[in-house]
Amino acid sequence: MAPGDYCDIITGDETWIYHRQIHHKSTNATWIGEGESPTTIVRRSKFEPKTLFCIFFKSNGPVLIHDVDEDKTIDHNYYIENCLKPVVKKIWKQRKSAGTKGIKLLHDNAGSHRHSDVINYLTEEGINIMPHPPYSPDLAHCDYWLNDYIKCNLSDQPNEKSLARAVSKVAKNIPEEEFKKTFDKLLERMELCINNHGDYFEHLIK
């Protein structure tokens, strides 16, 4: 796969984002002087409010940022109607002459993604599904880059609507070059995946 082929790839995934932000330990790390106590990092309650997002993007930026209503479950019908169809609509808007021709979708093997109705819909739209190893998140850009990037750049939000606006703002303000960089890493990850027979390989990346 040549770098120029990345422009035809769309990748997407679901991720939970809490309204109150507690960043990774690495981002909270500070030097501790002699005799000083370490900073206390508050643990998150399992009952804290959070919102499920479906995020799709290409090598030049976001395609779809969809927040799922609290009472909804992402089954195959929801995935088609609220995620894939809006993505296809956006593709046609961006590529009026070519439409979905040559477009490749990279998503994981969640049940809603593998359903026959989803596969049939994508086939009818002329979208090719890129193969993904059964249990590895290491090829999904959302898992190894975008989700953490967004969460580390969010501030606390009082409700679902303000969180959705904040997530959208963070994603849309990411420089295009950053999206290109993460797609440049895809080839390396594909090679590692093949060499490890589809098993996890994140620990092998320098």
N, C-alpha and C. Protein backbone atom coordinates (compact mmCIF):
# COMPACT_ATOMS: atom_id res chain seq x y z
N MET A 1 0.84 -1.19 0.00
CA MET A 1 0.00 0.00 0.00
C MET A 1 0.88 1.24 0.00
N ALA A 2 0.70 2.10 -0.98
CA ALA A 2 1.47 3.34 -1.07
C ALA A 2 0.80 4.43 -0.26
N PRO A 3 1.58 5.44 0.21
CA PRO A 3 0.99 6.52 0.99
C PRO A 3 -0.17 7.20 0.29
N GLY A 4 -0.13 7.29 -1.03
CA GLY A 4 -1.21 7.94 -1.76
C GLY A 4 -2.53 7.21 -1.65
N ASP A 5 -2.46 5.92 -1.31
CA ASP A 5 -3.69 5.13 -1.19
C ASP A 5 -4.47 5.45 0.08
N TYR A 6 -3.84 6.12 1.02
CA TYR A 6 -4.49 6.40 2.30
C TYR A 6 -5.72 7.28 2.14
N CYS A 7 -5.74 8.10 1.10
CA CYS A 7 -6.86 9.03 0.94
C CYS A 7 -8.17 8.30 0.69
N ASP A 8 -8.10 7.03 0.33
CA ASP A 8 -9.31 6.24 0.06
C ASP A 8 -9.76 5.43 1.27
N ILE A 9 -9.02 5.52 2.38
CA ILE A 9 -9.35 4.73 3.57
C ILE A 9 -10.12 5.58 4.57
N ILE A 10 -11.21 5.01 5.07
CA ILE A 10 -11.95 5.60 6.18
C ILE A 10 -11.91 4.61 7.32
N THR A 11 -11.61 5.08 8.50
CA THR A 11 -11.60 4.21 9.67
C THR A 11 -12.52 4.77 10.74
N GLY A 12 -13.10 3.88 11.52
CA GLY A 12 -14.03 4.34 12.55
C GLY A 12 -14.17 3.35 13.68
N ASP A 13 -14.64 3.84 14.81
CA ASP A 13 -14.83 2.98 15.97
C ASP A 13 -15.70 3.70 16.98
N GLU A 14 -16.11 2.94 18.01
CA GLU A 14 -16.89 3.52 19.10
C GLU A 14 -15.99 3.68 20.32
N THR A 15 -16.25 4.71 21.10
CA THR A 15 -15.49 4.92 22.33
C THR A 15 -16.34 5.64 23.36
N TRP A 16 -16.20 5.23 24.62
CA TRP A 16 -16.88 5.91 25.72
C TRP A 16 -16.02 7.09 26.18
N ILE A 17 -16.65 8.24 26.38
CA ILE A 17 -15.95 9.41 26.90
C ILE A 17 -16.70 9.94 28.11
N TYR A 18 -15.98 10.05 29.22
CA TYR A 18 -16.58 10.54 30.46
C TYR A 18 -16.75 12.06 30.42
N HIS A 19 -17.75 12.56 31.15
CA HIS A 19 -17.98 14.00 31.22
C HIS A 19 -16.92 14.67 32.08
N ARG A 20 -16.39 13.95 33.07
CA ARG A 20 -15.31 14.47 33.91
C ARG A 20 -14.02 13.79 33.49
N GLN A 21 -12.99 14.57 33.29
CA GLN A 21 -11.76 14.04 32.73
C GLN A 21 -10.74 13.71 33.80
N ILE A 22 -10.27 12.47 33.78
CA ILE A 22 -9.13 12.05 34.59
C ILE A 22 -8.12 11.47 33.60
N HIS A 23 -7.04 12.17 33.38
CA HIS A 23 -6.11 11.78 32.33
C HIS A 23 -5.23 10.62 32.77
N HIS A 24 -4.52 10.07 31.79
CA HIS A 24 -3.64 8.93 32.06
C HIS A 24 -2.59 9.29 33.10
N LYS A 25 -2.08 8.28 33.78
CA LYS A 25 -1.07 8.50 34.81
C LYS A 25 0.14 9.25 34.25
N SER A 26 0.49 8.96 32.99
CA SER A 26 1.66 9.60 32.40
C SER A 26 1.48 11.10 32.29
N THR A 27 0.25 11.56 32.03
CA THR A 27 0.00 12.98 31.89
C THR A 27 -0.09 13.65 33.25
N ASN A 28 -0.30 12.87 34.32
CA ASN A 28 -0.37 13.40 35.67
C ASN A 28 0.96 13.32 36.41
N ALA A 29 1.95 12.73 35.75
CA ALA A 29 3.23 12.48 36.42
C ALA A 29 3.96 13.79 36.73
N THR A 30 4.50 13.90 37.93
CA THR A 30 5.28 15.06 38.34
C THR A 30 6.48 14.59 39.16
N TRP A 31 7.53 15.41 39.18
CA TRP A 31 8.69 15.10 40.01
C TRP A 31 8.33 15.32 41.47
N ILE A 32 8.75 14.40 42.33
CA ILE A 32 8.47 14.50 43.76
C ILE A 32 9.77 14.77 44.50
N GLY A 33 9.79 15.89 45.23
CA GLY A 33 10.99 16.24 45.98
C GLY A 33 11.15 15.37 47.22
N GLU A 34 12.34 15.39 47.79
CA GLU A 34 12.61 14.59 48.98
C GLU A 34 11.69 15.03 50.13
N GLY A 35 11.02 14.06 50.73
CA GLY A 35 10.12 14.36 51.84
C GLY A 35 8.73 14.76 51.43
N GLU A 36 8.49 14.89 50.11
CA GLU A 36 7.16 15.28 49.63
C GLU A 36 6.31 14.04 49.38
N SER A 37 5.02 14.21 49.53
CA SER A 37 4.08 13.11 49.26
C SER A 37 3.66 13.15 47.80
N PRO A 38 3.46 11.98 47.19
CA PRO A 38 3.01 11.97 45.80
C PRO A 38 1.62 12.56 45.65
N THR A 39 1.37 13.14 44.48
CA THR A 39 0.07 13.73 44.20
C THR A 39 -1.00 12.64 44.18
N THR A 40 -2.10 12.90 44.82
CA THR A 40 -3.20 11.94 44.83
C THR A 40 -4.00 12.07 43.54
N ILE A 41 -4.19 10.95 42.84
CA ILE A 41 -4.99 10.93 41.63
C ILE A 41 -6.33 10.28 41.96
N VAL A 42 -7.38 11.05 41.81
CA VAL A 42 -8.71 10.57 42.17
C VAL A 42 -9.16 9.48 41.21
N ARG A 43 -9.66 8.40 41.77
CA ARG A 43 -10.17 7.31 40.93
C ARG A 43 -11.58 7.63 40.48
N ARG A 44 -11.92 7.11 39.32
CA ARG A 44 -13.23 7.39 38.75
C ARG A 44 -14.28 6.42 39.29
N SER A 45 -15.46 6.94 39.58
CA SER A 45 -16.58 6.10 39.99
C SER A 45 -17.19 5.44 38.77
N LYS A 46 -17.60 4.19 38.93
CA LYS A 46 -18.20 3.48 37.80
C LYS A 46 -19.56 4.05 37.42
N PHE A 47 -20.11 4.91 38.29
CA PHE A 47 -21.42 5.50 38.01
C PHE A 47 -21.32 6.89 37.39
N GLU A 48 -20.11 7.34 37.11
CA GLU A 48 -19.95 8.67 36.53
C GLU A 48 -20.59 8.73 35.14
N PRO A 49 -21.18 9.89 34.79
CA PRO A 49 -21.81 10.01 33.47
C PRO A 49 -20.80 9.93 32.35
N LYS A 50 -21.17 9.24 31.30
CA LYS A 50 -20.32 9.10 30.12
C LYS A 50 -21.20 8.98 28.89
N THR A 51 -20.63 9.26 27.74
CA THR A 51 -21.37 9.21 26.48
C THR A 51 -20.59 8.37 25.49
N LEU A 52 -21.31 7.57 24.72
CA LEU A 52 -20.70 6.75 23.68
C LEU A 52 -20.65 7.54 22.37
N PHE A 53 -19.47 7.56 21.76
CA PHE A 53 -19.28 8.27 20.49
C PHE A 53 -18.87 7.29 19.40
N CYS A 54 -19.34 7.54 18.19
CA CYS A 54 -18.87 6.83 17.00
C CYS A 54 -18.11 7.86 16.16
N ILE A 55 -16.84 7.60 15.93
CA ILE A 55 -15.99 8.57 15.24
C ILE A 55 -15.36 7.92 14.01
N PHE A 56 -15.53 8.56 12.87
CA PHE A 56 -14.94 8.10 11.61
C PHE A 56 -14.05 9.21 11.06
N PHE A 57 -12.90 8.84 10.50
CA PHE A 57 -12.05 9.86 9.91
C PHE A 57 -11.19 9.30 8.78
N LYS A 58 -10.64 10.21 7.98
CA LYS A 58 -9.74 9.88 6.88
C LYS A 58 -8.38 10.50 7.15
N SER A 59 -7.50 10.40 6.18
CA SER A 59 -6.15 10.93 6.36
C SER A 59 -6.09 12.45 6.33
N ASN A 60 -7.22 13.10 6.01
CA ASN A 60 -7.23 14.57 6.01
C ASN A 60 -8.15 15.15 7.08
N GLY A 61 -8.74 14.30 7.95
CA GLY A 61 -9.55 14.83 9.03
C GLY A 61 -10.80 14.03 9.31
N PRO A 62 -11.63 14.51 10.24
CA PRO A 62 -12.85 13.78 10.64
C PRO A 62 -13.88 13.71 9.51
N VAL A 63 -14.60 12.60 9.48
CA VAL A 63 -15.72 12.43 8.55
C VAL A 63 -17.04 12.47 9.31
N LEU A 64 -17.10 11.79 10.46
CA LEU A 64 -18.33 11.76 11.26
C LEU A 64 -17.98 11.66 12.74
N ILE A 65 -18.64 12.50 13.53
CA ILE A 65 -18.55 12.42 15.00
C ILE A 65 -19.98 12.35 15.51
N HIS A 66 -20.38 11.16 15.94
CA HIS A 66 -21.77 10.91 16.31
C HIS A 66 -21.86 10.51 17.77
N ASP A 67 -22.64 11.26 18.55
CA ASP A 67 -22.86 10.88 19.95
C ASP A 67 -24.14 10.07 20.07
N VAL A 68 -24.05 8.94 20.72
CA VAL A 68 -25.16 8.00 20.84
C VAL A 68 -26.03 8.38 22.03
N ASP A 69 -27.33 8.45 21.82
CA ASP A 69 -28.25 8.76 22.92
C ASP A 69 -28.11 7.74 24.04
N GLU A 70 -28.34 8.19 25.25
CA GLU A 70 -28.10 7.37 26.44
C GLU A 70 -28.89 6.06 26.42
N ASP A 71 -30.09 6.08 25.87
CA ASP A 71 -30.94 4.89 25.92
C ASP A 71 -30.80 4.00 24.69
N LYS A 72 -29.81 4.28 23.84
CA LYS A 72 -29.64 3.52 22.60
C LYS A 72 -28.50 2.50 22.70
N THR A 73 -28.67 1.42 21.96
CA THR A 73 -27.63 0.40 21.85
C THR A 73 -27.20 0.31 20.39
N ILE A 74 -25.91 0.17 20.14
CA ILE A 74 -25.44 0.10 18.76
C ILE A 74 -25.53 -1.34 18.26
N ASP A 75 -26.67 -1.66 17.68
CA ASP A 75 -26.78 -2.94 16.97
C ASP A 75 -26.52 -2.66 15.49
N HIS A 76 -26.68 -3.67 14.65
CA HIS A 76 -26.34 -3.49 13.23
C HIS A 76 -27.24 -2.46 12.55
N ASN A 77 -28.52 -2.41 12.94
CA ASN A 77 -29.42 -1.43 12.33
C ASN A 77 -29.02 -0.01 12.70
N TYR A 78 -28.70 0.20 13.97
CA TYR A 78 -28.28 1.53 14.41
C TYR A 78 -26.99 1.93 13.70
N TYR A 79 -26.08 0.98 13.58
CA TYR A 79 -24.79 1.25 12.95
C TYR A 79 -24.96 1.68 11.50
N ILE A 80 -25.86 1.03 10.79
CA ILE A 80 -26.11 1.38 9.39
C ILE A 80 -26.76 2.76 9.29
N GLU A 81 -27.86 2.96 10.04
CA GLU A 81 -28.67 4.17 9.89
C GLU A 81 -27.97 5.42 10.42
N ASN A 82 -27.26 5.30 11.52
CA ASN A 82 -26.72 6.49 12.19
C ASN A 82 -25.22 6.70 12.00
N CYS A 83 -24.55 5.69 11.49
CA CYS A 83 -23.10 5.82 11.27
C CYS A 83 -22.73 5.68 9.80
N LEU A 84 -23.03 4.52 9.23
CA LEU A 84 -22.58 4.26 7.86
C LEU A 84 -23.28 5.14 6.83
N LYS A 85 -24.59 5.30 6.94
CA LYS A 85 -25.29 6.14 5.95
C LYS A 85 -24.83 7.59 5.99
N PRO A 86 -24.66 8.21 7.18
CA PRO A 86 -24.10 9.57 7.19
C PRO A 86 -22.69 9.64 6.63
N VAL A 87 -21.88 8.60 6.87
CA VAL A 87 -20.53 8.56 6.32
C VAL A 87 -20.58 8.52 4.79
N VAL A 88 -21.44 7.67 4.26
CA VAL A 88 -21.59 7.56 2.80
C VAL A 88 -22.07 8.89 2.21
N LYS A 89 -23.01 9.52 2.88
CA LYS A 89 -23.52 10.82 2.42
C LYS A 89 -22.40 11.85 2.38
N LYS A 90 -21.54 11.83 3.39
CA LYS A 90 -20.42 12.78 3.44
C LYS A 90 -19.42 12.48 2.31
N ILE A 91 -19.19 11.20 2.04
CA ILE A 91 -18.28 10.83 0.96
C ILE A 91 -18.78 11.38 -0.37
N TRP A 92 -20.07 11.20 -0.63
CA TRP A 92 -20.64 11.68 -1.90
C TRP A 92 -20.56 13.19 -1.99
N LYS A 93 -20.68 13.86 -0.86
CA LYS A 93 -20.58 15.33 -0.84
C LYS A 93 -19.16 15.77 -1.17
N GLN A 94 -18.18 15.01 -0.69
CA GLN A 94 -16.77 15.36 -0.92
C GLN A 94 -16.27 14.90 -2.28
N ARG A 95 -16.86 13.80 -2.80
CA ARG A 95 -16.39 13.21 -4.06
C ARG A 95 -17.56 13.06 -5.01
N LYS A 96 -18.04 14.18 -5.51
CA LYS A 96 -19.26 14.17 -6.33
C LYS A 96 -19.13 13.31 -7.58
N SER A 97 -17.94 13.25 -8.18
CA SER A 97 -17.77 12.48 -9.41
C SER A 97 -17.50 11.00 -9.14
N ALA A 98 -16.67 10.71 -8.13
CA ALA A 98 -16.27 9.33 -7.86
C ALA A 98 -17.18 8.64 -6.85
N GLY A 99 -17.80 9.41 -5.96
CA GLY A 99 -18.65 8.81 -4.94
C GLY A 99 -17.87 7.86 -4.05
N THR A 100 -18.42 6.68 -3.83
CA THR A 100 -17.77 5.71 -2.94
C THR A 100 -16.82 4.76 -3.67
N LYS A 101 -16.63 4.97 -4.96
CA LYS A 101 -15.76 4.09 -5.75
C LYS A 101 -14.34 4.09 -5.18
N GLY A 102 -13.83 2.91 -4.86
CA GLY A 102 -12.47 2.78 -4.36
C GLY A 102 -12.31 3.03 -2.87
N ILE A 103 -13.40 3.39 -2.19
CA ILE A 103 -13.32 3.66 -0.76
C ILE A 103 -13.15 2.35 0.02
N LYS A 104 -12.27 2.38 1.01
CA LYS A 104 -12.03 1.21 1.87
C LYS A 104 -12.37 1.59 3.30
N LEU A 105 -13.06 0.71 4.00
CA LEU A 105 -13.43 0.94 5.39
C LEU A 105 -12.65 0.01 6.31
N LEU A 106 -11.99 0.60 7.29
CA LEU A 106 -11.28 -0.19 8.30
C LEU A 106 -11.99 -0.02 9.63
N HIS A 107 -12.65 -1.08 10.08
CA HIS A 107 -13.24 -1.09 11.42
C HIS A 107 -13.01 -2.47 12.02
N ASP A 108 -13.21 -2.58 13.33
CA ASP A 108 -12.89 -3.84 14.00
C ASP A 108 -14.00 -4.87 13.79
N ASN A 109 -13.88 -5.98 14.50
CA ASN A 109 -14.80 -7.10 14.29
C ASN A 109 -15.91 -7.18 15.32
N ALA A 110 -16.38 -6.03 15.78
CA ALA A 110 -17.53 -6.02 16.69
C ALA A 110 -18.73 -6.66 15.99
N GLY A 111 -19.62 -7.24 16.79
CA GLY A 111 -20.77 -7.94 16.22
C GLY A 111 -21.59 -7.09 15.28
N SER A 112 -21.81 -5.83 15.65
CA SER A 112 -22.61 -4.94 14.80
C SER A 112 -21.90 -4.63 13.49
N HIS A 113 -20.58 -4.73 13.46
CA HIS A 113 -19.82 -4.46 12.24
C HIS A 113 -19.83 -5.66 11.30
N ARG A 114 -19.91 -6.86 11.87
CA ARG A 114 -19.80 -8.09 11.07
C ARG A 114 -21.15 -8.61 10.59
N HIS A 115 -22.23 -7.99 11.00
CA HIS A 115 -23.56 -8.48 10.64
C HIS A 115 -23.74 -8.48 9.12
N SER A 116 -24.46 -9.47 8.63
CA SER A 116 -24.64 -9.61 7.19
C SER A 116 -25.31 -8.39 6.57
N ASP A 117 -26.22 -7.73 7.30
CA ASP A 117 -26.87 -6.53 6.76
C ASP A 117 -25.86 -5.40 6.56
N VAL A 118 -24.90 -5.30 7.47
CA VAL A 118 -23.86 -4.28 7.34
C VAL A 118 -22.97 -4.59 6.14
N ILE A 119 -22.55 -5.84 6.03
CA ILE A 119 -21.70 -6.25 4.90
C ILE A 119 -22.43 -6.02 3.58
N ASN A 120 -23.71 -6.38 3.53
CA ASN A 120 -24.48 -6.20 2.30
C ASN A 120 -24.63 -4.72 1.95
N TYR A 121 -24.87 -3.90 2.98
CA TYR A 121 -25.03 -2.46 2.73
C TYR A 121 -23.74 -1.87 2.16
N LEU A 122 -22.62 -2.19 2.77
CA LEU A 122 -21.34 -1.66 2.30
C LEU A 122 -21.02 -2.16 0.89
N THR A 123 -21.36 -3.41 0.62
CA THR A 123 -21.14 -3.97 -0.72
C THR A 123 -21.98 -3.23 -1.75
N GLU A 124 -23.24 -2.98 -1.41
CA GLU A 124 -24.13 -2.26 -2.32
C GLU A 124 -23.63 -0.84 -2.60
N GLU A 125 -22.99 -0.25 -1.61
CA GLU A 125 -22.46 1.11 -1.77
C GLU A 125 -21.09 1.12 -2.44
N GLY A 126 -20.56 -0.07 -2.73
CA GLY A 126 -19.27 -0.14 -3.40
C GLY A 126 -18.08 0.12 -2.49
N ILE A 127 -18.28 -0.07 -1.19
CA ILE A 127 -17.20 0.16 -0.22
C ILE A 127 -16.55 -1.17 0.15
N ASN A 128 -15.24 -1.23 0.05
CA ASN A 128 -14.49 -2.43 0.40
C ASN A 128 -14.17 -2.45 1.89
N ILE A 129 -14.37 -3.59 2.52
CA ILE A 129 -14.06 -3.74 3.94
C ILE A 129 -12.65 -4.29 4.08
N MET A 130 -11.79 -3.55 4.76
CA MET A 130 -10.42 -4.02 4.98
C MET A 130 -10.42 -5.08 6.07
N PRO A 131 -9.72 -6.19 5.87
CA PRO A 131 -9.68 -7.25 6.89
C PRO A 131 -9.02 -6.76 8.16
N HIS A 132 -9.52 -7.24 9.28
CA HIS A 132 -9.01 -6.84 10.59
C HIS A 132 -8.85 -8.09 11.44
N PRO A 133 -7.72 -8.26 12.13
CA PRO A 133 -7.54 -9.45 12.98
C PRO A 133 -8.61 -9.50 14.06
N PRO A 134 -9.03 -10.70 14.46
CA PRO A 134 -10.21 -10.86 15.33
C PRO A 134 -10.19 -10.07 16.63
N TYR A 135 -9.08 -10.07 17.34
CA TYR A 135 -9.10 -9.50 18.69
C TYR A 135 -8.06 -8.41 18.92
N SER A 136 -7.50 -7.87 17.87
CA SER A 136 -6.43 -6.89 18.04
C SER A 136 -6.91 -5.48 17.75
N PRO A 137 -6.72 -4.54 18.72
CA PRO A 137 -7.04 -3.14 18.47
C PRO A 137 -5.89 -2.40 17.82
N ASP A 138 -4.79 -3.11 17.53
CA ASP A 138 -3.57 -2.43 17.13
C ASP A 138 -3.61 -1.84 15.72
N LEU A 139 -4.61 -2.20 14.91
CA LEU A 139 -4.72 -1.63 13.57
C LEU A 139 -5.74 -0.51 13.51
N ALA A 140 -6.49 -0.30 14.56
CA ALA A 140 -7.54 0.71 14.55
C ALA A 140 -6.97 2.05 15.00
N HIS A 141 -6.97 3.03 14.08
CA HIS A 141 -6.42 4.35 14.40
C HIS A 141 -7.08 4.96 15.63
N CYS A 142 -8.38 4.71 15.78
CA CYS A 142 -9.09 5.26 16.94
C CYS A 142 -8.49 4.72 18.23
N ASP A 143 -8.16 3.42 18.24
CA ASP A 143 -7.65 2.79 19.45
C ASP A 143 -6.23 3.23 19.77
N TYR A 144 -5.37 3.33 18.75
CA TYR A 144 -3.97 3.60 19.07
C TYR A 144 -3.61 5.08 18.95
N TRP A 145 -4.59 5.92 18.61
CA TRP A 145 -4.24 7.34 18.51
C TRP A 145 -5.39 8.28 18.87
N LEU A 146 -6.46 8.30 18.06
CA LEU A 146 -7.44 9.39 18.16
C LEU A 146 -8.18 9.43 19.48
N ASN A 147 -8.63 8.29 19.98
CA ASN A 147 -9.42 8.29 21.22
C ASN A 147 -8.64 8.93 22.37
N ASP A 148 -7.38 8.51 22.53
CA ASP A 148 -6.57 9.07 23.61
C ASP A 148 -6.27 10.55 23.37
N TYR A 149 -6.04 10.91 22.12
CA TYR A 149 -5.76 12.32 21.80
C TYR A 149 -6.92 13.20 22.22
N ILE A 150 -8.13 12.79 21.87
CA ILE A 150 -9.32 13.58 22.22
C ILE A 150 -9.48 13.67 23.73
N LYS A 151 -9.40 12.53 24.40
CA LYS A 151 -9.62 12.50 25.85
C LYS A 151 -8.59 13.33 26.61
N CYS A 152 -7.36 13.36 26.12
CA CYS A 152 -6.31 14.12 26.80
C CYS A 152 -6.43 15.62 26.56
N ASN A 153 -7.25 16.02 25.60
CA ASN A 153 -7.41 17.44 25.29
C ASN A 153 -8.79 17.98 25.65
N LEU A 154 -9.55 17.20 26.40
CA LEU A 154 -10.87 17.63 26.84
C LEU A 154 -10.82 18.23 28.24
N SER A 155 -11.72 19.15 28.49
CA SER A 155 -11.94 19.64 29.85
C SER A 155 -13.25 19.05 30.35
N ASP A 156 -13.54 19.21 31.63
CA ASP A 156 -14.79 18.68 32.19
C ASP A 156 -15.99 19.33 31.51
N GLN A 157 -17.03 18.53 31.28
CA GLN A 157 -18.24 19.03 30.62
C GLN A 157 -19.46 18.70 31.47
N PRO A 158 -20.42 19.64 31.59
CA PRO A 158 -21.55 19.45 32.49
C PRO A 158 -22.62 18.48 32.00
N ASN A 159 -22.71 18.28 30.68
CA ASN A 159 -23.77 17.42 30.16
C ASN A 159 -23.37 16.84 28.80
N GLU A 160 -24.26 16.00 28.27
CA GLU A 160 -23.98 15.28 27.03
C GLU A 160 -23.79 16.23 25.84
N LYS A 161 -24.64 17.26 25.76
CA LYS A 161 -24.56 18.18 24.62
C LYS A 161 -23.25 18.96 24.60
N SER A 162 -22.86 19.45 25.77
CA SER A 162 -21.61 20.21 25.82
C SER A 162 -20.41 19.30 25.55
N LEU A 163 -20.49 18.04 25.99
CA LEU A 163 -19.42 17.09 25.72
C LEU A 163 -19.32 16.83 24.22
N ALA A 164 -20.46 16.65 23.56
CA ALA A 164 -20.46 16.41 22.12
C ALA A 164 -19.83 17.58 21.37
N ARG A 165 -20.15 18.80 21.79
CA ARG A 165 -19.55 19.97 21.15
C ARG A 165 -18.05 20.02 21.38
N ALA A 166 -17.64 19.69 22.60
CA ALA A 166 -16.21 19.73 22.93
C ALA A 166 -15.42 18.68 22.16
N VAL A 167 -15.97 17.46 22.06
CA VAL A 167 -15.31 16.39 21.31
C VAL A 167 -15.16 16.78 19.85
N SER A 168 -16.23 17.32 19.28
CA SER A 168 -16.20 17.75 17.88
C SER A 168 -15.16 18.85 17.66
N LYS A 169 -15.09 19.78 18.59
CA LYS A 169 -14.13 20.89 18.46
C LYS A 169 -12.70 20.39 18.52
N VAL A 170 -12.42 19.49 19.47
CA VAL A 170 -11.06 18.95 19.59
C VAL A 170 -10.67 18.21 18.32
N ALA A 171 -11.56 17.34 17.83
CA ALA A 171 -11.26 16.53 16.64
C ALA A 171 -11.04 17.41 15.41
N LYS A 172 -11.88 18.42 15.25
CA LYS A 172 -11.79 19.28 14.06
C LYS A 172 -10.60 20.23 14.12
N ASN A 173 -10.06 20.45 15.31
CA ASN A 173 -8.90 21.33 15.45
C ASN A 173 -7.57 20.60 15.36
N ILE A 174 -7.62 19.28 15.22
CA ILE A 174 -6.38 18.52 15.05
C ILE A 174 -5.79 18.87 13.68
N PRO A 175 -4.53 19.26 13.60
CA PRO A 175 -3.93 19.58 12.30
C PRO A 175 -4.00 18.40 11.34
N GLU A 176 -4.23 18.70 10.08
CA GLU A 176 -4.33 17.65 9.06
C GLU A 176 -3.08 16.79 9.04
N GLU A 177 -1.94 17.40 9.31
CA GLU A 177 -0.68 16.66 9.30
C GLU A 177 -0.67 15.52 10.32
N GLU A 178 -1.36 15.71 11.44
CA GLU A 178 -1.42 14.67 12.46
C GLU A 178 -2.21 13.46 11.97
N PHE A 179 -3.29 13.73 11.23
CA PHE A 179 -4.06 12.62 10.65
C PHE A 179 -3.20 11.86 9.64
N LYS A 180 -2.44 12.59 8.83
CA LYS A 180 -1.59 11.94 7.84
C LYS A 180 -0.52 11.08 8.52
N LYS A 181 0.04 11.59 9.62
CA LYS A 181 1.08 10.84 10.33
C LYS A 181 0.56 9.49 10.82
N THR A 182 -0.65 9.50 11.36
CA THR A 182 -1.16 8.23 11.91
C THR A 182 -1.48 7.24 10.81
N PHE A 183 -1.85 7.74 9.62
CA PHE A 183 -2.06 6.83 8.49
C PHE A 183 -0.72 6.32 7.96
N ASP A 184 0.31 7.14 8.07
CA ASP A 184 1.64 6.68 7.65
C ASP A 184 2.11 5.50 8.50
N LYS A 185 1.65 5.44 9.74
CA LYS A 185 2.03 4.34 10.64
C LYS A 185 1.26 3.05 10.34
N LEU A 186 0.21 3.16 9.53
CA LEU A 186 -0.64 2.00 9.29
C LEU A 186 0.12 0.87 8.61
N LEU A 187 0.96 1.21 7.62
CA LEU A 187 1.70 0.18 6.89
C LEU A 187 2.62 -0.59 7.83
N GLU A 188 3.32 0.13 8.71
CA GLU A 188 4.20 -0.52 9.69
C GLU A 188 3.39 -1.47 10.57
N ARG A 189 2.23 -1.03 11.00
CA ARG A 189 1.40 -1.85 11.87
C ARG A 189 0.86 -3.08 11.13
N MET A 190 0.52 -2.91 9.86
CA MET A 190 0.06 -4.06 9.07
C MET A 190 1.15 -5.11 8.95
N GLU A 191 2.38 -4.67 8.72
CA GLU A 191 3.50 -5.61 8.60
C GLU A 191 3.74 -6.35 9.92
N LEU A 192 3.66 -5.61 11.04
CA LEU A 192 3.83 -6.25 12.35
C LEU A 192 2.71 -7.24 12.62
N CYS A 193 1.50 -6.88 12.19
CA CYS A 193 0.35 -7.77 12.39
C CYS A 193 0.54 -9.08 11.64
N ILE A 194 1.02 -8.97 10.40
CA ILE A 194 1.27 -10.17 9.59
C ILE A 194 2.37 -11.02 10.22
N ASN A 195 3.45 -10.36 10.65
CA ASN A 195 4.57 -11.09 11.24
C ASN A 195 4.20 -11.77 12.55
N ASN A 196 3.18 -11.22 13.24
CA ASN A 196 2.75 -11.80 14.52
C ASN A 196 1.48 -12.63 14.36
N HIS A 197 1.17 -12.97 13.11
CA HIS A 197 0.05 -13.86 12.81
C HIS A 197 -1.27 -13.34 13.39
N GLY A 198 -1.45 -12.02 13.34
CA GLY A 198 -2.70 -11.42 13.78
C GLY A 198 -2.79 -11.18 15.27
N ASP A 199 -1.73 -11.52 16.02
CA ASP A 199 -1.76 -11.35 17.47
C ASP A 199 -1.37 -9.91 17.83
N TYR A 200 -1.50 -9.55 19.11
CA TYR A 200 -1.14 -8.21 19.57
C TYR A 200 0.33 -7.92 19.27
N PHE A 201 0.60 -6.67 18.88
CA PHE A 201 1.98 -6.31 18.57
C PHE A 201 2.36 -4.93 19.09
N GLU A 202 1.48 -4.30 19.85
CA GLU A 202 1.75 -2.94 20.35
C GLU A 202 3.08 -2.87 21.11
N HIS A 203 3.40 -3.95 21.85
CA HIS A 203 4.62 -3.95 22.65
C HIS A 203 5.88 -3.98 21.79
N LEU A 204 5.73 -4.25 20.49
CA LEU A 204 6.89 -4.33 19.60
C LEU A 204 7.21 -2.99 18.94
N ILE A 205 6.30 -2.02 19.09
CA ILE A 205 6.49 -0.73 18.44
C ILE A 205 7.39 0.14 19.29
N LYS A 206 8.41 0.69 18.66
CA LYS A 206 9.39 1.51 19.39
C LYS A 206 8.87 2.93 19.52
